[in-house]
């Protein structure tokens, strides 16, 4: 823990820097753009089509997986995962 002491016009103020929160990551299925020059990708459970096109360039997308932070899509359940 890092503590910083600052002078505040005759008084002292102390600020404690908290340790960063650990964010859990899991292997997550994603759609990745087929075009090597495009960085487009999206999580499988956030798409609206069986085989989406890239929203950035319009090319077809390939199914892959990435280590990503856990994120729950509570608005829909689909069979693509």
PDB file of N, CA and C in Angstrom:
ATOM      1  N   UNK A   1       0.845  -1.155   0.000  1.00  0.00           N
ATOM      2  CA  UNK A   1       0.000   0.000   0.000  1.00  0.00           C
ATOM      3  C   UNK A   1       0.900   1.231   0.000  1.00  0.00           C
ATOM      4  N   UNK A   2       0.574   2.193  -0.837  1.00  0.00           N
ATOM      5  CA  UNK A   2       1.334   3.438  -0.940  1.00  0.00           C
ATOM      6  C   UNK A   2       0.539   4.539  -0.272  1.00  0.00           C
ATOM      7  N   UNK A   3       1.174   5.264   0.634  1.00  0.00           N
ATOM      8  CA  UNK A   3       0.510   6.364   1.322  1.00  0.00           C
ATOM      9  C   UNK A   3       1.202   7.658   0.940  1.00  0.00           C
ATOM     10  N   UNK A   4       0.416   8.633   0.523  1.00  0.00           N
ATOM     11  CA  UNK A   4       0.937   9.937   0.144  1.00  0.00           C
ATOM     12  C   UNK A   4       0.457  10.952   1.164  1.00  0.00           C
ATOM     13  N   UNK A   5       1.381  11.759   1.692  1.00  0.00           N
ATOM     14  CA  UNK A   5       1.024  12.802   2.655  1.00  0.00           C
ATOM     15  C   UNK A   5       1.249  14.141   1.980  1.00  0.00           C
ATOM     16  N   UNK A   6       0.197  14.944   1.939  1.00  0.00           N
ATOM     17  CA  UNK A   6       0.273  16.260   1.323  1.00  0.00           C
ATOM     18  C   UNK A   6       0.022  17.337   2.368  1.00  0.00           C
ATOM     19  N   UNK A   7       0.735  18.429   2.249  1.00  0.00           N
ATOM     20  CA  UNK A   7       0.506  19.558   3.135  1.00  0.00           C
ATOM     21  C   UNK A   7      -0.711  20.323   2.626  1.00  0.00           C
ATOM     22  N   UNK A   8      -1.632  20.620   3.512  1.00  0.00           N
ATOM     23  CA  UNK A   8      -2.866  21.309   3.139  1.00  0.00           C
ATOM     24  C   UNK A   8      -3.002  22.569   3.988  1.00  0.00           C
ATOM     25  N   UNK A   9      -2.225  23.581   3.680  1.00  0.00           N
ATOM     26  CA  UNK A   9      -2.246  24.861   4.397  1.00  0.00           C
ATOM     27  C   UNK A   9      -2.168  24.666   5.908  1.00  0.00           C
ATOM     28  N   UNK A  10      -1.128  24.007   6.333  1.00  0.00           N
ATOM     29  CA  UNK A  10      -0.917  23.819   7.762  1.00  0.00           C
ATOM     30  C   UNK A  10      -1.457  22.494   8.275  1.00  0.00           C
ATOM     31  N   UNK A  11      -2.399  21.869   7.573  1.00  0.00           N
ATOM     32  CA  UNK A  11      -2.932  20.577   7.983  1.00  0.00           C
ATOM     33  C   UNK A  11      -2.344  19.473   7.122  1.00  0.00           C
ATOM     34  N   UNK A  12      -2.547  18.265   7.490  1.00  0.00           N
ATOM     35  CA  UNK A  12      -2.059  17.132   6.702  1.00  0.00           C
ATOM     36  C   UNK A  12      -3.233  16.332   6.166  1.00  0.00           C
ATOM     37  N   UNK A  13      -3.126  15.923   4.920  1.00  0.00           N
ATOM     38  CA  UNK A  13      -4.129  15.062   4.312  1.00  0.00           C
ATOM     39  C   UNK A  13      -3.442  13.777   3.916  1.00  0.00           C
ATOM     40  N   UNK A  14      -4.076  12.671   4.169  1.00  0.00           N
ATOM     41  CA  UNK A  14      -3.488  11.376   3.817  1.00  0.00           C
ATOM     42  C   UNK A  14      -4.384  10.685   2.806  1.00  0.00           C
ATOM     43  N   UNK A  15      -3.775  10.144   1.773  1.00  0.00           N
ATOM     44  CA  UNK A  15      -4.485   9.408   0.739  1.00  0.00           C
ATOM     45  C   UNK A  15      -3.872   8.024   0.635  1.00  0.00           C
ATOM     46  N   UNK A  16      -4.663   7.001   0.813  1.00  0.00           N
ATOM     47  CA  UNK A  16      -4.177   5.631   0.690  1.00  0.00           C
ATOM     48  C   UNK A  16      -4.543   5.114  -0.693  1.00  0.00           C
ATOM     49  N   UNK A  17      -3.564   4.619  -1.409  1.00  0.00           N
ATOM     50  CA  UNK A  17      -3.812   4.062  -2.740  1.00  0.00           C
ATOM     51  C   UNK A  17      -4.170   2.590  -2.571  1.00  0.00           C
ATOM     52  N   UNK A  18      -5.363   2.228  -3.019  1.00  0.00           N
ATOM     53  CA  UNK A  18      -5.831   0.847  -2.892  1.00  0.00           C
ATOM     54  C   UNK A  18      -5.204  -0.017  -3.973  1.00  0.00           C
ATOM     55  N   UNK A  19      -5.065  -1.280  -3.652  1.00  0.00           N
ATOM     56  CA  UNK A  19      -4.565  -2.238  -4.641  1.00  0.00           C
ATOM     57  C   UNK A  19      -5.617  -2.402  -5.732  1.00  0.00           C
ATOM     58  N   UNK A  20      -5.200  -2.547  -6.990  1.00  0.00           N
ATOM     59  CA  UNK A  20      -6.188  -2.704  -8.064  1.00  0.00           C
ATOM     60  C   UNK A  20      -6.994  -3.998  -7.905  1.00  0.00           C
ATOM     61  N   UNK A  21      -8.263  -3.915  -8.264  1.00  0.00           N
ATOM     62  CA  UNK A  21      -9.151  -5.069  -8.170  1.00  0.00           C
ATOM     63  C   UNK A  21      -8.778  -6.100  -9.230  1.00  0.00           C
ATOM     64  N   UNK A  22      -8.732  -7.352  -8.843  1.00  0.00           N
ATOM     65  CA  UNK A  22      -8.416  -8.425  -9.780  1.00  0.00           C
ATOM     66  C   UNK A  22      -9.680  -8.770 -10.562  1.00  0.00           C
ATOM     67  N   UNK A  23      -9.596  -8.721 -11.885  1.00  0.00           N
ATOM     68  CA  UNK A  23     -10.742  -9.001 -12.737  1.00  0.00           C
ATOM     69  C   UNK A  23     -10.583 -10.396 -13.318  1.00  0.00           C
ATOM     70  N   UNK A  24     -11.574 -11.243 -13.060  1.00  0.00           N
ATOM     71  CA  UNK A  24     -11.532 -12.626 -13.535  1.00  0.00           C
ATOM     72  C   UNK A  24     -11.685 -12.672 -15.051  1.00  0.00           C
ATOM     73  N   UNK A  25     -10.822 -13.459 -15.706  1.00  0.00           N
ATOM     74  CA  UNK A  25     -10.922 -13.657 -17.150  1.00  0.00           C
ATOM     75  C   UNK A  25     -11.175 -15.130 -17.446  1.00  0.00           C
ATOM     76  N   UNK A  26     -11.966 -15.385 -18.486  1.00  0.00           N
ATOM     77  CA  UNK A  26     -12.265 -16.752 -18.901  1.00  0.00           C
ATOM     78  C   UNK A  26     -12.131 -16.862 -20.417  1.00  0.00           C
ATOM     79  N   UNK A  27     -11.936 -18.075 -20.897  1.00  0.00           N
ATOM     80  CA  UNK A  27     -11.894 -18.327 -22.335  1.00  0.00           C
ATOM     81  C   UNK A  27     -13.300 -18.086 -22.884  1.00  0.00           C
ATOM     82  N   UNK A  28     -13.439 -17.134 -23.808  1.00  0.00           N
ATOM     83  CA  UNK A  28     -14.733 -16.681 -24.292  1.00  0.00           C
ATOM     84  C   UNK A  28     -14.830 -16.837 -25.801  1.00  0.00           C
ATOM     85  N   UNK A  29     -15.907 -17.451 -26.313  1.00  0.00           N
ATOM     86  CA  UNK A  29     -16.067 -17.548 -27.769  1.00  0.00           C
ATOM     87  C   UNK A  29     -16.377 -16.183 -28.372  1.00  0.00           C
ATOM     88  N   UNK A  30     -15.693 -15.855 -29.477  1.00  0.00           N
ATOM     89  CA  UNK A  30     -15.881 -14.575 -30.155  1.00  0.00           C
ATOM     90  C   UNK A  30     -15.938 -14.786 -31.662  1.00  0.00           C
ATOM     91  N   UNK A  31     -16.515 -13.802 -32.357  1.00  0.00           N
ATOM     92  CA  UNK A  31     -16.451 -13.725 -33.807  1.00  0.00           C
ATOM     93  C   UNK A  31     -15.344 -12.719 -34.122  1.00  0.00           C
ATOM     94  N   UNK A  32     -14.389 -13.092 -34.982  1.00  0.00           N
ATOM     95  CA  UNK A  32     -13.283 -12.233 -35.370  1.00  0.00           C
ATOM     96  C   UNK A  32     -13.327 -11.999 -36.866  1.00  0.00           C
ATOM     97  N   UNK A  33     -13.066 -10.766 -37.292  1.00  0.00           N
ATOM     98  CA  UNK A  33     -13.102 -10.426 -38.708  1.00  0.00           C
ATOM     99  C   UNK A  33     -12.031 -11.208 -39.467  1.00  0.00           C
ATOM    100  N   UNK A  34     -12.414 -11.704 -40.625  1.00  0.00           N
ATOM    101  CA  UNK A  34     -11.534 -12.484 -41.487  1.00  0.00           C
ATOM    102  C   UNK A  34     -10.452 -11.604 -42.123  1.00  0.00           C
ATOM    103  N   UNK A  35     -10.735 -10.319 -42.306  1.00  0.00           N
ATOM    104  CA  UNK A  35      -9.814  -9.376 -42.926  1.00  0.00           C
ATOM    105  C   UNK A  35      -8.660  -9.084 -41.968  1.00  0.00           C
ATOM    106  N   UNK A  36      -7.427  -9.367 -42.382  1.00  0.00           N
ATOM    107  CA  UNK A  36      -6.266  -9.201 -41.506  1.00  0.00           C
ATOM    108  C   UNK A  36      -5.996  -7.743 -41.139  1.00  0.00           C
ATOM    109  N   UNK A  37      -6.451  -6.801 -41.946  1.00  0.00           N
ATOM    110  CA  UNK A  37      -6.213  -5.390 -41.647  1.00  0.00           C
ATOM    111  C   UNK A  37      -7.300  -4.793 -40.754  1.00  0.00           C
ATOM    112  N   UNK A  38      -8.356  -5.554 -40.478  1.00  0.00           N
ATOM    113  CA  UNK A  38      -9.461  -5.082 -39.643  1.00  0.00           C
ATOM    114  C   UNK A  38      -9.323  -5.675 -38.237  1.00  0.00           C
ATOM    115  N   UNK A  39      -9.600  -4.879 -37.219  1.00  0.00           N
ATOM    116  CA  UNK A  39      -9.521  -5.347 -35.832  1.00  0.00           C
ATOM    117  C   UNK A  39     -10.893  -5.698 -35.251  1.00  0.00           C
ATOM    118  N   UNK A  40     -11.903  -5.863 -36.114  1.00  0.00           N
ATOM    119  CA  UNK A  40     -13.260  -6.116 -35.637  1.00  0.00           C
ATOM    120  C   UNK A  40     -13.425  -7.484 -34.989  1.00  0.00           C
ATOM    121  N   UNK A  41     -14.104  -7.507 -33.851  1.00  0.00           N
ATOM    122  CA  UNK A  41     -14.467  -8.757 -33.179  1.00  0.00           C
ATOM    123  C   UNK A  41     -15.632  -8.461 -32.236  1.00  0.00           C
ATOM    124  N   UNK A  42     -16.371  -9.510 -31.864  1.00  0.00           N
ATOM    125  CA  UNK A  42     -17.464  -9.368 -30.901  1.00  0.00           C
ATOM    126  C   UNK A  42     -17.700 -10.693 -30.192  1.00  0.00           C
ATOM    127  N   UNK A  43     -18.205 -10.613 -28.993  1.00  0.00           N
ATOM    128  CA  UNK A  43     -18.526 -11.817 -28.229  1.00  0.00           C
ATOM    129  C   UNK A  43     -19.684 -12.546 -28.901  1.00  0.00           C
ATOM    130  N   UNK A  44     -19.630 -13.863 -28.897  1.00  0.00           N
ATOM    131  CA  UNK A  44     -20.670 -14.672 -29.540  1.00  0.00           C
ATOM    132  C   UNK A  44     -22.030 -14.424 -28.909  1.00  0.00           C
ATOM    133  N   UNK A  45     -22.084 -14.278 -27.582  1.00  0.00           N
ATOM    134  CA  UNK A  45     -23.393 -14.118 -26.940  1.00  0.00           C
ATOM    135  C   UNK A  45     -23.945 -12.699 -27.032  1.00  0.00           C
ATOM    136  N   UNK A  46     -23.311 -11.813 -27.836  1.00  0.00           N
ATOM    137  CA  UNK A  46     -23.827 -10.470 -28.056  1.00  0.00           C
ATOM    138  C   UNK A  46     -24.169 -10.217 -29.523  1.00  0.00           C
ATOM    139  N   UNK A  47     -24.270 -11.277 -30.335  1.00  0.00           N
ATOM    140  CA  UNK A  47     -24.622 -11.105 -31.747  1.00  0.00           C
ATOM    141  C   UNK A  47     -26.098 -11.433 -31.949  1.00  0.00           C
ATOM    142  N   UNK A  48     -26.646 -10.949 -33.071  1.00  0.00           N
ATOM    143  CA  UNK A  48     -28.053 -11.165 -33.369  1.00  0.00           C
ATOM    144  C   UNK A  48     -28.265 -12.105 -34.550  1.00  0.00           C
ATOM    145  N   UNK A  49     -27.178 -12.619 -35.151  1.00  0.00           N
ATOM    146  CA  UNK A  49     -27.273 -13.496 -36.313  1.00  0.00           C
ATOM    147  C   UNK A  49     -26.453 -14.762 -36.062  1.00  0.00           C
ATOM    148  N   UNK A  50     -26.776 -15.823 -36.812  1.00  0.00           N
ATOM    149  CA  UNK A  50     -26.014 -17.069 -36.689  1.00  0.00           C
ATOM    150  C   UNK A  50     -24.580 -16.894 -37.164  1.00  0.00           C
ATOM    151  N   UNK A  51     -24.384 -16.186 -38.258  1.00  0.00           N
ATOM    152  CA  UNK A  51     -23.053 -15.918 -38.804  1.00  0.00           C
ATOM    153  C   UNK A  51     -22.988 -14.446 -39.202  1.00  0.00           C
ATOM    154  N   UNK A  52     -22.540 -13.587 -38.290  1.00  0.00           N
ATOM    155  CA  UNK A  52     -22.565 -12.147 -38.559  1.00  0.00           C
ATOM    156  C   UNK A  52     -21.458 -11.694 -39.515  1.00  0.00           C
ATOM    157  N   UNK A  53     -21.672 -10.554 -40.139  1.00  0.00           N
ATOM    158  CA  UNK A  53     -20.631  -9.877 -40.901  1.00  0.00           C
ATOM    159  C   UNK A  53     -19.994  -8.843 -39.979  1.00  0.00           C
ATOM    160  N   UNK A  54     -18.751  -8.493 -40.288  1.00  0.00           N
ATOM    161  CA  UNK A  54     -18.027  -7.524 -39.479  1.00  0.00           C
ATOM    162  C   UNK A  54     -18.751  -6.170 -39.510  1.00  0.00           C
ATOM    163  N   UNK A  55     -19.030  -5.572 -38.353  1.00  0.00           N
ATOM    164  CA  UNK A  55     -19.702  -4.275 -38.340  1.00  0.00           C
ATOM    165  C   UNK A  55     -18.799  -3.133 -38.796  1.00  0.00           C
ATOM    166  N   UNK A  56     -17.486  -3.365 -38.845  1.00  0.00           N
ATOM    167  CA  UNK A  56     -16.560  -2.310 -39.252  1.00  0.00           C
ATOM    168  C   UNK A  56     -16.296  -2.296 -40.752  1.00  0.00           C
ATOM    169  N   UNK A  57     -16.086  -3.493 -41.343  1.00  0.00           N
ATOM    170  CA  UNK A  57     -15.717  -3.531 -42.768  1.00  0.00           C
ATOM    171  C   UNK A  57     -16.677  -4.350 -43.627  1.00  0.00           C
ATOM    172  N   UNK A  58     -17.570  -5.121 -43.022  1.00  0.00           N
ATOM    173  CA  UNK A  58     -18.555  -5.892 -43.768  1.00  0.00           C
ATOM    174  C   UNK A  58     -18.104  -7.274 -44.205  1.00  0.00           C
ATOM    175  N   UNK A  59     -16.862  -7.660 -43.924  1.00  0.00           N
ATOM    176  CA  UNK A  59     -16.379  -8.993 -44.295  1.00  0.00           C
ATOM    177  C   UNK A  59     -16.988 -10.071 -43.408  1.00  0.00           C
ATOM    178  N   UNK A  60     -16.809 -11.315 -43.814  1.00  0.00           N
ATOM    179  CA  UNK A  60     -17.283 -12.437 -43.010  1.00  0.00           C
ATOM    180  C   UNK A  60     -16.420 -12.563 -41.760  1.00  0.00           C
ATOM    181  N   UNK A  61     -16.951 -13.262 -40.768  1.00  0.00           N
ATOM    182  CA  UNK A  61     -16.246 -13.411 -39.497  1.00  0.00           C
ATOM    183  C   UNK A  61     -16.032 -14.885 -39.192  1.00  0.00           C
ATOM    184  N   UNK A  62     -14.968 -15.181 -38.464  1.00  0.00           N
ATOM    185  CA  UNK A  62     -14.615 -16.535 -38.062  1.00  0.00           C
ATOM    186  C   UNK A  62     -14.822 -16.686 -36.565  1.00  0.00           C
ATOM    187  N   UNK A  63     -15.219 -17.883 -36.145  1.00  0.00           N
ATOM    188  CA  UNK A  63     -15.414 -18.136 -34.726  1.00  0.00           C
ATOM    189  C   UNK A  63     -14.078 -18.527 -34.105  1.00  0.00           C
ATOM    190  N   UNK A  64     -13.702 -17.834 -33.029  1.00  0.00           N
ATOM    191  CA  UNK A  64     -12.471 -18.094 -32.281  1.00  0.00           C
ATOM    192  C   UNK A  64     -12.773 -17.959 -30.801  1.00  0.00           C
ATOM    193  N   UNK A  65     -11.729 -17.995 -29.977  1.00  0.00           N
ATOM    194  CA  UNK A  65     -11.916 -17.731 -28.554  1.00  0.00           C
ATOM    195  C   UNK A  65     -10.764 -16.861 -28.055  1.00  0.00           C
ATOM    196  N   UNK A  66     -11.055 -16.073 -27.008  1.00  0.00           N
ATOM    197  CA  UNK A  66     -10.087 -15.160 -26.401  1.00  0.00           C
ATOM    198  C   UNK A  66     -10.256 -15.180 -24.896  1.00  0.00           C
ATOM    199  N   UNK A  67      -9.185 -14.854 -24.191  1.00  0.00           N
ATOM    200  CA  UNK A  67      -9.276 -14.662 -22.748  1.00  0.00           C
ATOM    201  C   UNK A  67      -9.801 -13.247 -22.517  1.00  0.00           C
ATOM    202  N   UNK A  68     -11.017 -13.153 -21.973  1.00  0.00           N
ATOM    203  CA  UNK A  68     -11.666 -11.860 -21.757  1.00  0.00           C
ATOM    204  C   UNK A  68     -12.255 -11.794 -20.352  1.00  0.00           C
ATOM    205  N   UNK A  69     -12.438 -10.588 -19.833  1.00  0.00           N
ATOM    206  CA  UNK A  69     -13.107 -10.451 -18.536  1.00  0.00           C
ATOM    207  C   UNK A  69     -14.525 -11.012 -18.600  1.00  0.00           C
ATOM    208  N   UNK A  70     -14.974 -11.565 -17.489  1.00  0.00           N
ATOM    209  CA  UNK A  70     -16.327 -12.119 -17.413  1.00  0.00           C
ATOM    210  C   UNK A  70     -17.326 -10.990 -17.605  1.00  0.00           C
ATOM    211  N   UNK A  71     -18.275 -11.219 -18.507  1.00  0.00           N
ATOM    212  CA  UNK A  71     -19.316 -10.237 -18.798  1.00  0.00           C
ATOM    213  C   UNK A  71     -20.598 -11.003 -19.076  1.00  0.00           C
ATOM    214  N   UNK A  72     -21.655 -10.689 -18.353  1.00  0.00           N
ATOM    215  CA  UNK A  72     -22.905 -11.422 -18.486  1.00  0.00           C
ATOM    216  C   UNK A  72     -23.885 -10.618 -19.325  1.00  0.00           C
ATOM    217  N   UNK A  73     -24.446 -11.256 -20.351  1.00  0.00           N
ATOM    218  CA  UNK A  73     -25.485 -10.645 -21.167  1.00  0.00           C
ATOM    219  C   UNK A  73     -26.817 -11.125 -20.628  1.00  0.00           C
ATOM    220  N   UNK A  74     -27.422 -10.337 -19.756  1.00  0.00           N
ATOM    221  CA  UNK A  74     -28.672 -10.754 -19.115  1.00  0.00           C
ATOM    222  C   UNK A  74     -29.896 -10.443 -19.966  1.00  0.00           C
ATOM    223  N   UNK A  75     -29.712  -9.817 -21.128  1.00  0.00           N
ATOM    224  CA  UNK A  75     -30.859  -9.459 -21.945  1.00  0.00           C
ATOM    225  C   UNK A  75     -31.292 -10.570 -22.871  1.00  0.00           C
ATOM    226  N   UNK A  76     -30.430 -11.560 -23.107  1.00  0.00           N
ATOM    227  CA  UNK A  76     -30.831 -12.651 -23.987  1.00  0.00           C
ATOM    228  C   UNK A  76     -30.010 -13.894 -23.703  1.00  0.00           C
ATOM    229  N   UNK A  77     -30.575 -15.014 -24.045  1.00  0.00           N
ATOM    230  CA  UNK A  77     -29.842 -16.274 -24.025  1.00  0.00           C
ATOM    231  C   UNK A  77     -29.923 -16.816 -25.443  1.00  0.00           C
ATOM    232  N   UNK A  78     -28.805 -17.314 -25.939  1.00  0.00           N
ATOM    233  CA  UNK A  78     -28.843 -17.868 -27.288  1.00  0.00           C
ATOM    234  C   UNK A  78     -28.097 -19.188 -27.338  1.00  0.00           C
ATOM    235  N   UNK A  79     -28.241 -19.882 -28.418  1.00  0.00           N
ATOM    236  CA  UNK A  79     -27.650 -21.208 -28.556  1.00  0.00           C
ATOM    237  C   UNK A  79     -26.317 -21.165 -29.273  1.00  0.00           C
ATOM    238  N   UNK A  80     -25.742 -19.968 -29.485  1.00  0.00           N
ATOM    239  CA  UNK A  80     -24.500 -19.860 -30.241  1.00  0.00           C
ATOM    240  C   UNK A  80     -23.269 -20.124 -29.380  1.00  0.00           C
ATOM    241  N   UNK A  81     -23.400 -20.180 -28.059  1.00  0.00           N
ATOM    242  CA  UNK A  81     -22.238 -20.345 -27.189  1.00  0.00           C
ATOM    243  C   UNK A  81     -21.853 -21.781 -27.026  1.00  0.00           C
TER     244      UNK A  81
END
